[in-house]
All heavy atoms as atom14 arrays in JSON, in Angstrom:
{
  "sequence": "SDSIKVAPSILSADFACLLDDIRKIEKNADY",
  "atom14_mask": [
    [1, 1, 1, 1, 1, 1, 0, 0, 0, 0, 0, 0, 0, 0],
    [1, 1, 1, 1, 1, 1, 1, 1, 0, 0, 0, 0, 0, 0],
    [1, 1, 1, 1, 1, 1, 0, 0, 0, 0, 0, 0, 0, 0],
    [1, 1, 1, 1, 1, 1, 1, 1, 0, 0, 0, 0, 0, 0],
    [1, 1, 1, 1, 1, 1, 1, 1, 1, 0, 0, 0, 0, 0],
    [1, 1, 1, 1, 1, 1, 1, 0, 0, 0, 0, 0, 0, 0],
    [1, 1, 1, 1, 1, 0, 0, 0, 0, 0, 0, 0, 0, 0],
    [1, 1, 1, 1, 1, 1, 1, 0, 0, 0, 0, 0, 0, 0],
    [1, 1, 1, 1, 1, 1, 0, 0, 0, 0, 0, 0, 0, 0],
    [1, 1, 1, 1, 1, 1, 1, 1, 0, 0, 0, 0, 0, 0],
    [1, 1, 1, 1, 1, 1, 1, 1, 0, 0, 0, 0, 0, 0],
    [1, 1, 1, 1, 1, 1, 0, 0, 0, 0, 0, 0, 0, 0],
    [1, 1, 1, 1, 1, 0, 0, 0, 0, 0, 0, 0, 0, 0],
    [1, 1, 1, 1, 1, 1, 1, 1, 0, 0, 0, 0, 0, 0],
    [1, 1, 1, 1, 1, 1, 1, 1, 1, 1, 1, 0, 0, 0],
    [1, 1, 1, 1, 1, 0, 0, 0, 0, 0, 0, 0, 0, 0],
    [1, 1, 1, 1, 1, 1, 0, 0, 0, 0, 0, 0, 0, 0],
    [1, 1, 1, 1, 1, 1, 1, 1, 0, 0, 0, 0, 0, 0],
    [1, 1, 1, 1, 1, 1, 1, 1, 0, 0, 0, 0, 0, 0],
    [1, 1, 1, 1, 1, 1, 1, 1, 0, 0, 0, 0, 0, 0],
    [1, 1, 1, 1, 1, 1, 1, 1, 0, 0, 0, 0, 0, 0],
    [1, 1, 1, 1, 1, 1, 1, 1, 0, 0, 0, 0, 0, 0],
    [1, 1, 1, 1, 1, 1, 1, 1, 1, 1, 1, 0, 0, 0],
    [1, 1, 1, 1, 1, 1, 1, 1, 1, 0, 0, 0, 0, 0],
    [1, 1, 1, 1, 1, 1, 1, 1, 0, 0, 0, 0, 0, 0],
    [1, 1, 1, 1, 1, 1, 1, 1, 1, 0, 0, 0, 0, 0],
    [1, 1, 1, 1, 1, 1, 1, 1, 1, 0, 0, 0, 0, 0],
    [1, 1, 1, 1, 1, 1, 1, 1, 0, 0, 0, 0, 0, 0],
    [1, 1, 1, 1, 1, 0, 0, 0, 0, 0, 0, 0, 0, 0],
    [1, 1, 1, 1, 1, 1, 1, 1, 0, 0, 0, 0, 0, 0],
    [1, 1, 1, 1, 1, 1, 1, 1, 1, 1, 1, 1, 0, 0]
  ],
  "atom14_positions": [
    [[-18.36, -2.11, -19.34], [-17.64, -3.38, -19.41], [-16.2, -3.23, -19.9], [-15.36, -4.07, -19.59], [-18.39, -4.36, -20.32], [-18.51, -3.84, -21.63], [0.0, 0.0, 0.0], [0.0, 0.0, 0.0], [0.0, 0.0, 0.0], [0.0, 0.0, 0.0], [0.0, 0.0, 0.0], [0.0, 0.0, 0.0], [0.0, 0.0, 0.0], [0.0, 0.0, 0.0]],
    [[-15.93, -2.2, -20.69], [-14.57, -2.03, -21.21], [-13.72, -1.1, -20.36], [-12.59, -0.79, -20.73], [-14.64, -1.48, -22.65], [-15.27, -2.48, -23.61], [-15.11, -3.69, -23.36], [-15.91, -2.05, -24.58], [0.0, 0.0, 0.0], [0.0, 0.0, 0.0], [0.0, 0.0, 0.0], [0.0, 0.0, 0.0], [0.0, 0.0, 0.0], [0.0, 0.0, 0.0]],
    [[-14.27, -0.62, -19.28], [-13.54, 0.39, -18.51], [-13.44, 0.07, -17.03], [-13.25, 0.97, -16.21], [-14.22, 1.76, -18.7], [-15.58, 1.69, -18.32], [0.0, 0.0, 0.0], [0.0, 0.0, 0.0], [0.0, 0.0, 0.0], [0.0, 0.0, 0.0], [0.0, 0.0, 0.0], [0.0, 0.0, 0.0], [0.0, 0.0, 0.0], [0.0, 0.0, 0.0]],
    [[-13.57, -1.18, -16.65], [-13.53, -1.54, -15.24], [-12.1, -1.46, -14.72], [-11.17, -2.01, -15.3], [-14.07, -2.97, -15.02], [-15.49, -3.09, -15.57], [-14.03, -3.33, -13.53], [-16.45, -2.04, -15.05], [0.0, 0.0, 0.0], [0.0, 0.0, 0.0], [0.0, 0.0, 0.0], [0.0, 0.0, 0.0], [0.0, 0.0, 0.0], [0.0, 0.0, 0.0]],
    [[-11.94, -0.75, -13.63], [-10.64, -0.59, -12.99], [-10.69, -1.24, -11.61], [-11.76, -1.33, -11.0], [-10.26, 0.88, -12.91], [-10.18, 1.56, -14.28], [-9.73, 3.0, -14.16], [-9.76, 3.69, -15.52], [-8.95, 3.01, -16.54], [0.0, 0.0, 0.0], [0.0, 0.0, 0.0], [0.0, 0.0, 0.0], [0.0, 0.0, 0.0], [0.0, 0.0, 0.0]],
    [[-9.51, -1.63, -11.14], [-9.42, -2.28, -9.83], [-8.37, -1.57, -8.99], [-7.27, -1.25, -9.47], [-9.06, -3.77, -9.96], [-8.77, -4.39, -8.6], [-10.19, -4.54, -10.66], [0.0, 0.0, 0.0], [0.0, 0.0, 0.0], [0.0, 0.0, 0.0], [0.0, 0.0, 0.0], [0.0, 0.0, 0.0], [0.0, 0.0, 0.0], [0.0, 0.0, 0.0]],
    [[-8.72, -1.32, -7.74], [-7.82, -0.68, -6.78], [-7.63, -1.61, -5.59], [-8.5, -1.68, -4.7], [-8.38, 0.66, -6.31], [0.0, 0.0, 0.0], [0.0, 0.0, 0.0], [0.0, 0.0, 0.0], [0.0, 0.0, 0.0], [0.0, 0.0, 0.0], [0.0, 0.0, 0.0], [0.0, 0.0, 0.0], [0.0, 0.0, 0.0], [0.0, 0.0, 0.0]],
    [[-6.56, -2.38, -5.56], [-6.3, -3.23, -4.39], [-6.14, -2.38, -3.12], [-5.45, -1.35, -3.13], [-5.0, -3.94, -4.75], [-4.92, -3.88, -6.24], [-5.54, -2.56, -6.6], [0.0, 0.0, 0.0], [0.0, 0.0, 0.0], [0.0, 0.0, 0.0], [0.0, 0.0, 0.0], [0.0, 0.0, 0.0], [0.0, 0.0, 0.0], [0.0, 0.0, 0.0]],
    [[-6.79, -2.81, -2.07], [-6.7, -2.1, -0.79], [-5.61, -2.69, 0.08], [-5.67, -3.87, 0.46], [-8.04, -2.19, -0.05], [-7.91, -1.68, 1.27], [0.0, 0.0, 0.0], [0.0, 0.0, 0.0], [0.0, 0.0, 0.0], [0.0, 0.0, 0.0], [0.0, 0.0, 0.0], [0.0, 0.0, 0.0], [0.0, 0.0, 0.0], [0.0, 0.0, 0.0]],
    [[-4.61, -1.86, 0.4], [-3.5, -2.38, 1.19], [-3.88, -2.64, 2.64], [-3.06, -3.15, 3.41], [-2.25, -1.47, 1.12], [-2.53, -0.08, 1.69], [-1.74, -1.39, -0.3], [-1.27, 0.76, 1.86], [0.0, 0.0, 0.0], [0.0, 0.0, 0.0], [0.0, 0.0, 0.0], [0.0, 0.0, 0.0], [0.0, 0.0, 0.0], [0.0, 0.0, 0.0]],
    [[-5.12, -2.34, 3.01], [-5.58, -2.71, 4.35], [-5.47, -4.21, 4.56], [-5.3, -4.68, 5.68], [-7.04, -2.26, 4.54], [-7.67, -2.45, 5.91], [-6.92, -1.65, 6.97], [-9.14, -2.06, 5.89], [0.0, 0.0, 0.0], [0.0, 0.0, 0.0], [0.0, 0.0, 0.0], [0.0, 0.0, 0.0], [0.0, 0.0, 0.0], [0.0, 0.0, 0.0]],
    [[-5.55, -4.98, 3.45], [-5.48, -6.44, 3.54], [-4.1, -6.98, 3.19], [-3.92, -8.2, 3.14], [-6.52, -7.06, 2.6], [-7.82, -6.7, 3.0], [0.0, 0.0, 0.0], [0.0, 0.0, 0.0], [0.0, 0.0, 0.0], [0.0, 0.0, 0.0], [0.0, 0.0, 0.0], [0.0, 0.0, 0.0], [0.0, 0.0, 0.0], [0.0, 0.0, 0.0]],
    [[-3.15, -6.11, 2.93], [-1.79, -6.56, 2.59], [-1.05, -6.99, 3.86], [-1.49, -6.73, 4.98], [-1.03, -5.44, 1.88], [0.0, 0.0, 0.0], [0.0, 0.0, 0.0], [0.0, 0.0, 0.0], [0.0, 0.0, 0.0], [0.0, 0.0, 0.0], [0.0, 0.0, 0.0], [0.0, 0.0, 0.0], [0.0, 0.0, 0.0], [0.0, 0.0, 0.0]],
    [[0.09, -7.62, 3.66], [0.97, -8.0, 4.76], [1.85, -6.8, 5.08], [2.75, -6.46, 4.33], [1.82, -9.2, 4.35], [2.73, -9.7, 5.46], [2.89, -8.99, 6.48], [3.31, -10.8, 5.31], [0.0, 0.0, 0.0], [0.0, 0.0, 0.0], [0.0, 0.0, 0.0], [0.0, 0.0, 0.0], [0.0, 0.0, 0.0], [0.0, 0.0, 0.0]],
    [[1.6, -6.15, 6.22], [2.33, -4.92, 6.54], [3.82, -5.16, 6.75], [4.63, -4.26, 6.59], [1.74, -4.26, 7.78], [0.36, -3.68, 7.57], [-0.34, -3.14, 8.63], [-0.23, -3.7, 6.33], [-1.61, -2.61, 8.44], [-1.5, -3.18, 6.13], [-2.19, -2.63, 7.19], [0.0, 0.0, 0.0], [0.0, 0.0, 0.0], [0.0, 0.0, 0.0]],
    [[4.19, -6.39, 7.1], [5.6, -6.7, 7.28], [6.32, -6.8, 5.94], [7.55, -6.69, 5.89], [5.77, -8.0, 8.06], [0.0, 0.0, 0.0], [0.0, 0.0, 0.0], [0.0, 0.0, 0.0], [0.0, 0.0, 0.0], [0.0, 0.0, 0.0], [0.0, 0.0, 0.0], [0.0, 0.0, 0.0], [0.0, 0.0, 0.0], [0.0, 0.0, 0.0]],
    [[5.56, -7.01, 4.88], [6.13, -7.15, 3.54], [5.34, -6.28, 2.56], [5.02, -6.72, 1.45], [6.09, -8.61, 3.09], [6.88, -9.77, 4.22], [0.0, 0.0, 0.0], [0.0, 0.0, 0.0], [0.0, 0.0, 0.0], [0.0, 0.0, 0.0], [0.0, 0.0, 0.0], [0.0, 0.0, 0.0], [0.0, 0.0, 0.0], [0.0, 0.0, 0.0]],
    [[5.04, -5.06, 2.97], [4.12, -4.22, 2.21], [4.63, -3.96, 0.79], [3.87, -4.08, -0.18], [3.89, -2.9, 2.94], [2.9, -1.92, 2.3], [1.56, -2.6, 2.03], [2.71, -0.7, 3.19], [0.0, 0.0, 0.0], [0.0, 0.0, 0.0], [0.0, 0.0, 0.0], [0.0, 0.0, 0.0], [0.0, 0.0, 0.0], [0.0, 0.0, 0.0]],
    [[5.88, -3.6, 0.65], [6.4, -3.31, -0.68], [6.38, -4.56, -1.57], [6.06, -4.48, -2.76], [7.81, -2.74, -0.6], [8.41, -2.24, -1.92], [7.51, -1.22, -2.58], [9.81, -1.66, -1.69], [0.0, 0.0, 0.0], [0.0, 0.0, 0.0], [0.0, 0.0, 0.0], [0.0, 0.0, 0.0], [0.0, 0.0, 0.0], [0.0, 0.0, 0.0]],
    [[6.67, -5.71, -0.99], [6.6, -6.95, -1.75], [5.19, -7.19, -2.27], [4.99, -7.61, -3.42], [7.03, -8.15, -0.89], [8.53, -8.16, -0.61], [9.27, -7.46, -1.33], [8.95, -8.85, 0.33], [0.0, 0.0, 0.0], [0.0, 0.0, 0.0], [0.0, 0.0, 0.0], [0.0, 0.0, 0.0], [0.0, 0.0, 0.0], [0.0, 0.0, 0.0]],
    [[4.2, -6.93, -1.42], [2.81, -7.13, -1.84], [2.41, -6.14, -2.93], [1.67, -6.48, -3.86], [1.87, -7.0, -0.64], [1.68, -8.31, 0.1], [2.34, -9.3, -0.28], [0.88, -8.35, 1.05], [0.0, 0.0, 0.0], [0.0, 0.0, 0.0], [0.0, 0.0, 0.0], [0.0, 0.0, 0.0], [0.0, 0.0, 0.0], [0.0, 0.0, 0.0]],
    [[2.9, -4.91, -2.83], [2.6, -3.92, -3.87], [3.22, -4.35, -5.2], [2.6, -4.23, -6.26], [3.11, -2.53, -3.45], [2.28, -2.01, -2.26], [3.04, -1.54, -4.61], [2.83, -0.74, -1.63], [0.0, 0.0, 0.0], [0.0, 0.0, 0.0], [0.0, 0.0, 0.0], [0.0, 0.0, 0.0], [0.0, 0.0, 0.0], [0.0, 0.0, 0.0]],
    [[4.43, -4.85, -5.14], [5.1, -5.33, -6.36], [4.29, -6.43, -7.05], [4.28, -6.54, -8.28], [6.48, -5.87, -6.01], [7.47, -4.83, -5.53], [7.98, -3.99, -6.67], [9.11, -3.17, -6.27], [9.2, -1.87, -6.49], [8.21, -1.25, -7.11], [10.26, -1.18, -6.12], [0.0, 0.0, 0.0], [0.0, 0.0, 0.0], [0.0, 0.0, 0.0]],
    [[3.62, -7.26, -6.26], [2.86, -8.37, -6.84], [1.67, -7.9, -7.67], [1.24, -8.62, -8.58], [2.35, -9.29, -5.71], [3.44, -10.06, -4.98], [2.85, -10.84, -3.82], [3.93, -11.55, -3.01], [3.35, -12.23, -1.82], [0.0, 0.0, 0.0], [0.0, 0.0, 0.0], [0.0, 0.0, 0.0], [0.0, 0.0, 0.0], [0.0, 0.0, 0.0]],
    [[1.14, -6.72, -7.36], [-0.1, -6.31, -8.01], [0.05, -5.11, -8.93], [-0.87, -4.79, -9.69], [-1.19, -5.99, -6.95], [-0.72, -4.95, -5.92], [-1.58, -7.27, -6.2], [-0.99, -3.52, -6.26], [0.0, 0.0, 0.0], [0.0, 0.0, 0.0], [0.0, 0.0, 0.0], [0.0, 0.0, 0.0], [0.0, 0.0, 0.0], [0.0, 0.0, 0.0]],
    [[1.2, -4.44, -8.93], [1.25, -3.14, -9.59], [1.1, -3.2, -11.11], [0.65, -2.23, -11.72], [2.5, -2.36, -9.2], [3.81, -2.98, -9.55], [4.98, -2.15, -9.02], [4.76, -1.0, -8.62], [6.11, -2.67, -9.02], [0.0, 0.0, 0.0], [0.0, 0.0, 0.0], [0.0, 0.0, 0.0], [0.0, 0.0, 0.0], [0.0, 0.0, 0.0]],
    [[1.43, -4.33, -11.74], [1.28, -4.41, -13.2], [-0.16, -4.64, -13.62], [-0.53, -4.36, -14.76], [2.18, -5.51, -13.76], [3.67, -5.18, -13.7], [4.51, -6.27, -14.35], [5.99, -5.93, -14.3], [6.84, -6.99, -14.91], [0.0, 0.0, 0.0], [0.0, 0.0, 0.0], [0.0, 0.0, 0.0], [0.0, 0.0, 0.0], [0.0, 0.0, 0.0]],
    [[-0.98, -5.15, -12.72], [-2.37, -5.46, -13.05], [-3.35, -4.45, -12.46], [-4.47, -4.32, -12.96], [-2.73, -6.86, -12.55], [-1.96, -7.94, -13.25], [-0.74, -7.96, -13.22], [-2.67, -8.88, -13.88], [0.0, 0.0, 0.0], [0.0, 0.0, 0.0], [0.0, 0.0, 0.0], [0.0, 0.0, 0.0], [0.0, 0.0, 0.0], [0.0, 0.0, 0.0]],
    [[-2.94, -3.76, -11.42], [-3.84, -2.82, -10.73], [-3.88, -1.48, -11.47], [-2.96, -1.13, -12.22], [-3.39, -2.61, -9.29], [0.0, 0.0, 0.0], [0.0, 0.0, 0.0], [0.0, 0.0, 0.0], [0.0, 0.0, 0.0], [0.0, 0.0, 0.0], [0.0, 0.0, 0.0], [0.0, 0.0, 0.0], [0.0, 0.0, 0.0], [0.0, 0.0, 0.0]],
    [[-4.95, -0.73, -11.23], [-5.09, 0.6, -11.81], [-4.81, 1.71, -10.79], [-4.36, 2.79, -11.16], [-6.5, 0.77, -12.37], [-6.8, -0.26, -13.45], [-6.29, -0.11, -14.57], [-7.54, -1.23, -13.15], [0.0, 0.0, 0.0], [0.0, 0.0, 0.0], [0.0, 0.0, 0.0], [0.0, 0.0, 0.0], [0.0, 0.0, 0.0], [0.0, 0.0, 0.0]],
    [[-5.11, 1.42, -9.55], [-4.86, 2.34, -8.43], [-4.41, 1.5, -7.25], [-4.62, 0.29, -7.21], [-6.13, 3.12, -8.02], [-6.65, 4.08, -9.04], [-7.5, 3.65, -10.07], [-6.32, 5.43, -8.98], [-7.98, 4.54, -11.02], [-6.82, 6.33, -9.92], [-7.64, 5.87, -10.94], [-8.11, 6.75, -11.87], [0.0, 0.0, 0.0], [0.0, 0.0, 0.0]]
  ]
}
């Protein structure tokens, strides 16, 4: 419970704005 990590999959990101989508999640994501 204290060690759960999340890895957003960019397969579901907007490829036209990929870097923007990465910026939205990078502070909360682990991978």
